[in-house]
């Protein structure tokens, strides 16, 4: 899981979706929408589902990364580093990265 820092406006959301190749779901103006994009991807030999979520209560943002294959720690770290680089290239800050392995 990658927690994101700061407010997400339409422009930032569009850049983040484009950078990660996420689908376009969810509406910023709807307080109850939680899922804002998802994609199945393979990076550094690791297949994963990546989803962009907004917490309804805190209005915080996170990327959930669910591994689809068994992978070594270095491969998973490669995936996380690639996703972090794409997030930052979109102008969004990473607050923390938590691996649930």
Protein backbone atom coordinates (compact mmCIF):
# COMPACT_ATOMS: atom_id res chain seq x y z
CA UNK A 1 0.00 0.00 0.00
CA UNK A 2 1.24 3.47 -0.88
CA UNK A 3 -0.28 6.38 1.05
CA UNK A 4 -0.39 9.64 -0.87
CA UNK A 5 0.02 13.10 0.61
CA UNK A 6 -1.98 16.23 -0.12
CA UNK A 7 -5.25 17.14 -1.76
CA UNK A 8 -6.24 15.55 -5.05
CA UNK A 9 -7.85 17.93 -7.54
CA UNK A 10 -9.06 16.99 -11.02
CA UNK A 11 -5.75 17.88 -12.68
CA UNK A 12 -3.67 15.84 -10.22
CA UNK A 13 -6.09 12.92 -10.51
CA UNK A 14 -5.87 13.00 -14.31
CA UNK A 15 -2.06 13.12 -14.25
CA UNK A 16 -1.89 10.25 -11.76
CA UNK A 17 -4.30 8.07 -13.74
CA UNK A 18 -2.34 8.73 -16.95
CA UNK A 19 1.03 8.06 -15.33
CA UNK A 20 -0.08 4.73 -13.84
CA UNK A 21 -2.39 3.70 -16.69
CA UNK A 22 -5.41 3.59 -14.37
CA UNK A 23 -8.99 3.32 -15.57
CA UNK A 24 -11.20 6.35 -15.02
CA UNK A 25 -13.82 5.57 -12.38
CA UNK A 26 -15.16 7.57 -9.46
CA UNK A 27 -16.21 11.19 -9.18
CA UNK A 28 -14.40 13.71 -7.01
CA UNK A 29 -17.66 15.54 -6.33
CA UNK A 30 -19.34 12.41 -4.93
CA UNK A 31 -18.37 12.08 -1.27
CA UNK A 32 -19.13 8.35 -1.31
CA UNK A 33 -17.01 7.32 -4.29
CA UNK A 34 -13.96 5.40 -3.12
CA UNK A 35 -12.40 3.67 -6.14
CA UNK A 36 -10.85 6.11 -8.63
CA UNK A 37 -8.95 3.82 -10.98
CA UNK A 38 -7.42 0.40 -11.37
CA UNK A 39 -5.08 -1.48 -13.65
CA UNK A 40 -3.51 -4.92 -13.92
CA UNK A 41 0.19 -4.58 -14.65
CA UNK A 42 3.48 -6.41 -14.69
CA UNK A 43 6.57 -4.53 -13.57
CA UNK A 44 9.99 -5.98 -12.76
CA UNK A 45 8.54 -9.46 -13.34
CA UNK A 46 5.78 -8.95 -10.76
CA UNK A 47 2.11 -9.08 -11.79
CA UNK A 48 -0.22 -7.00 -9.64
CA UNK A 49 -3.54 -5.22 -9.52
CA UNK A 50 -3.15 -1.54 -8.64
CA UNK A 51 -6.12 0.43 -7.37
CA UNK A 52 -6.43 4.11 -6.42
CA UNK A 53 -8.70 4.62 -3.40
CA UNK A 54 -10.03 7.60 -1.46
CA UNK A 55 -10.98 7.01 2.17
CA UNK A 56 -14.51 8.33 2.68
CA UNK A 57 -13.89 9.36 6.29
CA UNK A 58 -10.43 10.92 6.16
CA UNK A 59 -10.48 11.93 2.47
CA UNK A 60 -6.95 10.47 2.30
CA UNK A 61 -5.69 8.72 -0.85
CA UNK A 62 -3.84 5.43 -1.28
CA UNK A 63 -2.75 2.95 -3.89
CA UNK A 64 -3.48 -0.67 -3.03
CA UNK A 65 -1.18 -3.12 -4.77
CA UNK A 66 -2.32 -6.74 -4.74
CA UNK A 67 0.27 -9.21 -6.00
CA UNK A 68 -1.02 -11.81 -8.47
CA UNK A 69 2.14 -13.95 -8.45
CA UNK A 70 4.60 -15.15 -5.86
CA UNK A 71 7.63 -12.90 -6.08
CA UNK A 72 10.86 -12.33 -4.25
CA UNK A 73 11.37 -9.32 -2.01
CA UNK A 74 13.73 -7.63 -4.46
CA UNK A 75 11.18 -7.99 -7.28
CA UNK A 76 8.43 -6.52 -5.10
CA UNK A 77 10.73 -3.65 -4.12
CA UNK A 78 11.32 -3.05 -7.84
CA UNK A 79 7.57 -2.85 -8.45
CA UNK A 80 7.07 -0.46 -5.54
CA UNK A 81 9.95 1.73 -6.69
CA UNK A 82 8.53 1.88 -10.23
CA UNK A 83 5.05 2.81 -8.97
CA UNK A 84 6.51 5.43 -6.62
CA UNK A 85 8.47 6.98 -9.49
CA UNK A 86 5.33 7.15 -11.64
CA UNK A 87 3.35 8.73 -8.79
CA UNK A 88 6.02 11.36 -8.24
CA UNK A 89 6.31 11.99 -12.01
CA UNK A 90 2.61 12.90 -11.90
CA UNK A 91 3.39 15.55 -9.26
CA UNK A 92 1.82 13.61 -6.37
CA UNK A 93 3.75 13.08 -3.14
CA UNK A 94 4.18 9.69 -1.47
CA UNK A 95 3.60 9.81 2.29
CA UNK A 96 4.51 6.19 3.09
CA UNK A 97 4.88 2.73 1.61
CA UNK A 98 3.74 -0.33 3.53
CA UNK A 99 4.43 -3.85 2.30
CA UNK A 100 1.95 -6.42 3.60
CA UNK A 101 3.95 -9.52 2.76
